[in-house]
């Protein structure tokens, strides 16, 4: 999907942000249930680093490849991590082992 006008681009960007906005709070909540404050600090540091590096990397990729590929590359990387997340989610966290 592409936008040929400023208003179309703005609407498309609004929908993208609207879909991604809940991801970070939900992931922090899931981590907070199982991990320590150190893990949450690491997640916050990663978020800040991604906010710095993400636009730089995306702009660099956009100079080398078409816009569709710039969207598909992070999507493919995210899908490649799904098995790892599932495997790590099956293990009990540090607090879960102490509860019993």
N, C-alpha and C. Protein backbone atom coordinates (compact mmCIF):
# COMPACT_ATOMS: atom_id res chain seq x y z
N UNK A 1 0.85 -1.16 0.00
CA UNK A 1 0.00 0.00 0.00
C UNK A 1 0.90 1.23 0.00
N UNK A 2 0.60 2.16 -0.88
CA UNK A 2 1.39 3.39 -0.93
C UNK A 2 0.45 4.58 -0.90
N UNK A 3 1.02 5.71 -0.54
CA UNK A 3 0.25 6.94 -0.47
C UNK A 3 0.79 7.91 -1.51
N UNK A 4 -0.10 8.46 -2.31
CA UNK A 4 0.34 9.38 -3.36
C UNK A 4 0.18 10.84 -2.97
N UNK A 5 -0.50 11.11 -1.86
CA UNK A 5 -0.67 12.48 -1.38
C UNK A 5 -0.18 12.60 0.05
N UNK A 6 -0.02 13.82 0.47
CA UNK A 6 0.41 14.06 1.86
C UNK A 6 -0.64 13.53 2.83
N UNK A 7 -1.91 13.73 2.53
CA UNK A 7 -2.98 13.27 3.42
C UNK A 7 -3.05 11.74 3.45
N UNK A 8 -2.84 11.11 2.31
CA UNK A 8 -2.81 9.65 2.29
C UNK A 8 -1.64 9.09 3.08
N UNK A 9 -0.47 9.72 2.93
CA UNK A 9 0.69 9.30 3.71
C UNK A 9 0.44 9.49 5.20
N UNK A 10 -0.15 10.64 5.56
CA UNK A 10 -0.42 10.91 6.97
C UNK A 10 -1.39 9.88 7.55
N UNK A 11 -2.41 9.53 6.79
CA UNK A 11 -3.38 8.53 7.26
C UNK A 11 -2.71 7.16 7.40
N UNK A 12 -1.90 6.79 6.42
CA UNK A 12 -1.19 5.51 6.48
C UNK A 12 -0.24 5.47 7.67
N UNK A 13 0.49 6.55 7.89
CA UNK A 13 1.42 6.61 9.02
C UNK A 13 0.67 6.56 10.34
N UNK A 14 -0.47 7.23 10.42
CA UNK A 14 -1.30 7.18 11.63
C UNK A 14 -1.72 5.74 11.94
N UNK A 15 -2.14 5.00 10.92
CA UNK A 15 -2.54 3.61 11.12
C UNK A 15 -1.36 2.74 11.56
N UNK A 16 -0.19 2.99 11.00
CA UNK A 16 0.99 2.23 11.40
C UNK A 16 1.31 2.46 12.88
N UNK A 17 1.32 3.71 13.28
CA UNK A 17 1.63 4.04 14.68
C UNK A 17 0.55 3.49 15.60
N UNK A 18 -0.70 3.56 15.18
CA UNK A 18 -1.81 3.05 15.99
C UNK A 18 -1.69 1.55 16.21
N UNK A 19 -1.19 0.83 15.23
CA UNK A 19 -1.02 -0.62 15.38
C UNK A 19 0.19 -0.96 16.24
N UNK A 20 1.22 -0.15 16.24
CA UNK A 20 2.45 -0.46 16.97
C UNK A 20 2.47 0.10 18.40
N UNK A 21 1.64 1.09 18.69
CA UNK A 21 1.69 1.75 20.00
C UNK A 21 1.54 0.79 21.18
N UNK A 22 0.67 -0.20 21.15
CA UNK A 22 0.52 -1.07 22.32
C UNK A 22 1.62 -2.12 22.49
N UNK A 23 2.48 -2.29 21.51
CA UNK A 23 3.47 -3.38 21.58
C UNK A 23 4.44 -3.19 22.73
N UNK A 24 5.01 -2.00 22.90
CA UNK A 24 6.01 -1.79 23.95
C UNK A 24 5.43 -1.95 25.36
N UNK A 25 4.31 -1.29 25.71
CA UNK A 25 3.79 -1.50 27.06
C UNK A 25 3.42 -2.95 27.36
N UNK A 26 2.90 -3.65 26.36
CA UNK A 26 2.55 -5.06 26.58
C UNK A 26 3.80 -5.91 26.80
N UNK A 27 4.85 -5.63 26.04
CA UNK A 27 6.07 -6.42 26.21
C UNK A 27 6.74 -6.12 27.55
N UNK A 28 6.73 -4.87 27.99
CA UNK A 28 7.31 -4.53 29.30
C UNK A 28 6.50 -5.19 30.41
N UNK A 29 5.18 -5.20 30.29
CA UNK A 29 4.34 -5.84 31.30
C UNK A 29 4.63 -7.34 31.38
N UNK A 30 4.83 -7.97 30.22
CA UNK A 30 5.14 -9.41 30.22
C UNK A 30 6.50 -9.68 30.85
N UNK A 31 7.46 -8.82 30.57
CA UNK A 31 8.80 -8.98 31.15
C UNK A 31 8.78 -8.70 32.64
N UNK A 32 8.04 -7.70 33.07
CA UNK A 32 8.00 -7.32 34.49
C UNK A 32 7.44 -8.44 35.36
N UNK A 33 6.58 -9.26 34.82
CA UNK A 33 6.02 -10.36 35.60
C UNK A 33 7.06 -11.42 35.93
N UNK A 34 8.05 -11.57 35.07
CA UNK A 34 9.02 -12.65 35.24
C UNK A 34 10.41 -12.20 35.59
N UNK A 35 10.76 -10.97 35.35
CA UNK A 35 12.17 -10.57 35.43
C UNK A 35 12.39 -9.52 36.51
N UNK A 36 13.64 -9.15 36.64
CA UNK A 36 14.04 -8.17 37.64
C UNK A 36 14.02 -6.76 37.05
N UNK A 37 14.31 -5.79 37.89
CA UNK A 37 14.41 -4.41 37.42
C UNK A 37 15.54 -4.23 36.43
N UNK A 38 16.57 -5.05 36.54
CA UNK A 38 17.69 -4.99 35.60
C UNK A 38 17.22 -5.31 34.18
N UNK A 39 16.34 -6.28 34.04
CA UNK A 39 15.82 -6.64 32.72
C UNK A 39 14.98 -5.51 32.15
N UNK A 40 14.18 -4.87 32.99
CA UNK A 40 13.36 -3.75 32.52
C UNK A 40 14.25 -2.59 32.10
N UNK A 41 15.33 -2.35 32.83
CA UNK A 41 16.29 -1.32 32.44
C UNK A 41 16.92 -1.62 31.10
N UNK A 42 17.23 -2.89 30.87
CA UNK A 42 17.79 -3.30 29.58
C UNK A 42 16.79 -3.06 28.46
N UNK A 43 15.52 -3.38 28.70
CA UNK A 43 14.48 -3.16 27.69
C UNK A 43 14.35 -1.67 27.39
N UNK A 44 14.36 -0.83 28.41
CA UNK A 44 14.25 0.61 28.19
C UNK A 44 15.46 1.15 27.43
N UNK A 45 16.64 0.67 27.79
CA UNK A 45 17.84 1.09 27.06
C UNK A 45 17.77 0.67 25.60
N UNK A 46 17.27 -0.52 25.36
CA UNK A 46 17.11 -1.00 23.98
C UNK A 46 16.12 -0.15 23.21
N UNK A 47 15.05 0.24 23.89
CA UNK A 47 14.04 1.08 23.24
C UNK A 47 14.62 2.43 22.84
N UNK A 48 15.41 3.01 23.71
CA UNK A 48 16.02 4.31 23.41
C UNK A 48 17.03 4.17 22.28
N UNK A 49 17.83 3.11 22.32
CA UNK A 49 18.78 2.86 21.24
C UNK A 49 18.09 2.64 19.90
N UNK A 50 16.97 1.91 19.93
CA UNK A 50 16.23 1.66 18.69
C UNK A 50 15.62 2.95 18.15
N UNK A 51 15.17 3.83 19.05
CA UNK A 51 14.62 5.11 18.60
C UNK A 51 15.70 5.97 17.95
N UNK A 52 16.94 5.78 18.36
CA UNK A 52 18.05 6.52 17.76
C UNK A 52 18.50 5.87 16.45
N UNK A 53 18.72 4.57 16.48
CA UNK A 53 19.27 3.88 15.31
C UNK A 53 18.24 3.51 14.25
N UNK A 54 17.00 3.29 14.64
CA UNK A 54 15.97 2.86 13.70
C UNK A 54 15.82 3.78 12.49
N UNK A 55 15.62 5.08 12.72
CA UNK A 55 15.48 5.97 11.56
C UNK A 55 16.75 6.04 10.70
N UNK A 56 17.90 5.95 11.33
CA UNK A 56 19.16 6.00 10.57
C UNK A 56 19.28 4.76 9.68
N UNK A 57 19.02 3.61 10.25
CA UNK A 57 19.10 2.36 9.48
C UNK A 57 18.04 2.32 8.39
N UNK A 58 16.81 2.74 8.72
CA UNK A 58 15.74 2.73 7.71
C UNK A 58 16.06 3.67 6.56
N UNK A 59 16.59 4.84 6.86
CA UNK A 59 16.94 5.78 5.80
C UNK A 59 18.07 5.23 4.94
N UNK A 60 19.04 4.59 5.57
CA UNK A 60 20.14 3.99 4.81
C UNK A 60 19.62 2.88 3.90
N UNK A 61 18.76 2.02 4.43
CA UNK A 61 18.19 0.96 3.61
C UNK A 61 17.36 1.53 2.47
N UNK A 62 16.63 2.61 2.74
CA UNK A 62 15.80 3.23 1.71
C UNK A 62 16.63 3.78 0.56
N UNK A 63 17.87 4.17 0.85
CA UNK A 63 18.76 4.64 -0.20
C UNK A 63 19.23 3.50 -1.09
N UNK A 64 19.21 2.27 -0.58
CA UNK A 64 19.72 1.11 -1.32
C UNK A 64 18.65 0.23 -1.94
N UNK A 65 17.44 0.26 -1.40
CA UNK A 65 16.40 -0.66 -1.87
C UNK A 65 15.04 0.02 -1.94
N UNK A 66 14.10 -0.59 -2.63
CA UNK A 66 12.77 0.01 -2.73
C UNK A 66 12.05 0.06 -1.38
N UNK A 67 11.09 0.97 -1.22
CA UNK A 67 10.38 1.11 0.07
C UNK A 67 9.71 -0.19 0.54
N UNK A 68 9.17 -0.97 -0.36
CA UNK A 68 8.51 -2.22 0.05
C UNK A 68 9.50 -3.15 0.75
N UNK A 69 10.72 -3.20 0.26
CA UNK A 69 11.74 -4.05 0.89
C UNK A 69 12.13 -3.53 2.27
N UNK A 70 12.09 -2.21 2.46
CA UNK A 70 12.41 -1.64 3.77
C UNK A 70 11.37 -2.08 4.80
N UNK A 71 10.12 -2.24 4.38
CA UNK A 71 9.08 -2.74 5.29
C UNK A 71 9.19 -4.25 5.46
N UNK A 72 9.51 -4.96 4.40
CA UNK A 72 9.54 -6.42 4.47
C UNK A 72 10.74 -6.95 5.26
N UNK A 73 11.86 -6.26 5.24
CA UNK A 73 13.05 -6.73 5.95
C UNK A 73 12.82 -6.81 7.46
N UNK A 74 12.35 -5.76 8.14
CA UNK A 74 12.08 -5.90 9.58
C UNK A 74 10.97 -6.91 9.88
N UNK A 75 9.98 -7.00 8.99
CA UNK A 75 8.92 -7.99 9.19
C UNK A 75 9.49 -9.41 9.15
N UNK A 76 10.38 -9.66 8.21
CA UNK A 76 11.01 -10.98 8.10
C UNK A 76 11.89 -11.27 9.32
N UNK A 77 12.62 -10.26 9.78
CA UNK A 77 13.45 -10.45 10.97
C UNK A 77 12.58 -10.74 12.20
N UNK A 78 11.48 -10.04 12.32
CA UNK A 78 10.56 -10.28 13.44
C UNK A 78 9.98 -11.68 13.40
N UNK A 79 9.57 -12.12 12.22
CA UNK A 79 9.03 -13.47 12.09
C UNK A 79 10.09 -14.54 12.35
N UNK A 80 11.33 -14.24 12.01
CA UNK A 80 12.41 -15.20 12.26
C UNK A 80 12.65 -15.38 13.76
N UNK A 81 12.32 -14.38 14.56
CA UNK A 81 12.53 -14.46 16.01
C UNK A 81 11.38 -15.13 16.76
N UNK A 82 10.26 -15.37 16.10
CA UNK A 82 9.10 -15.98 16.76
C UNK A 82 9.45 -17.33 17.41
N UNK A 83 10.14 -18.26 16.73
CA UNK A 83 10.47 -19.53 17.39
C UNK A 83 11.34 -19.34 18.65
N UNK A 84 12.25 -18.38 18.61
CA UNK A 84 13.09 -18.12 19.78
C UNK A 84 12.25 -17.61 20.94
N UNK A 85 11.33 -16.71 20.67
CA UNK A 85 10.47 -16.16 21.72
C UNK A 85 9.58 -17.25 22.30
N UNK A 86 9.06 -18.10 21.45
CA UNK A 86 8.22 -19.20 21.93
C UNK A 86 9.04 -20.14 22.82
N UNK A 87 10.25 -20.46 22.39
CA UNK A 87 11.10 -21.35 23.18
C UNK A 87 11.47 -20.73 24.52
N UNK A 88 11.81 -19.45 24.51
CA UNK A 88 12.16 -18.78 25.76
C UNK A 88 10.94 -18.61 26.67
N UNK A 89 9.77 -18.44 26.06
CA UNK A 89 8.55 -18.29 26.85
C UNK A 89 8.14 -19.57 27.55
N UNK A 90 8.59 -20.71 27.07
CA UNK A 90 8.23 -21.99 27.69
C UNK A 90 9.02 -22.25 28.96
N UNK A 91 10.17 -21.59 29.12
CA UNK A 91 10.97 -21.79 30.33
C UNK A 91 10.42 -20.95 31.47
N UNK A 92 10.47 -21.47 32.71
CA UNK A 92 10.02 -20.66 33.84
C UNK A 92 10.99 -19.52 34.11
N UNK A 93 10.45 -18.38 34.47
CA UNK A 93 11.28 -17.23 34.81
C UNK A 93 11.86 -17.38 36.20
N UNK A 94 12.74 -16.46 36.64
CA UNK A 94 13.37 -16.56 37.95
C UNK A 94 12.37 -16.47 39.09
N UNK A 95 11.32 -15.68 38.94
CA UNK A 95 10.33 -15.53 40.01
C UNK A 95 9.38 -16.71 40.05
N UNK A 96 9.12 -17.34 38.94
CA UNK A 96 8.20 -18.48 38.89
C UNK A 96 8.78 -19.67 39.65
N UNK A 97 10.08 -19.86 39.60
CA UNK A 97 10.71 -20.98 40.30
C UNK A 97 10.69 -20.80 41.81
N UNK A 98 10.69 -19.55 42.28
CA UNK A 98 10.69 -19.27 43.71
C UNK A 98 9.30 -19.31 44.32
N UNK A 99 8.27 -19.23 43.52
CA UNK A 99 6.90 -19.15 44.03
C UNK A 99 6.44 -20.46 44.65
N UNK A 100 6.98 -21.57 44.27
CA UNK A 100 6.48 -22.85 44.78
C UNK A 100 7.15 -23.30 46.04
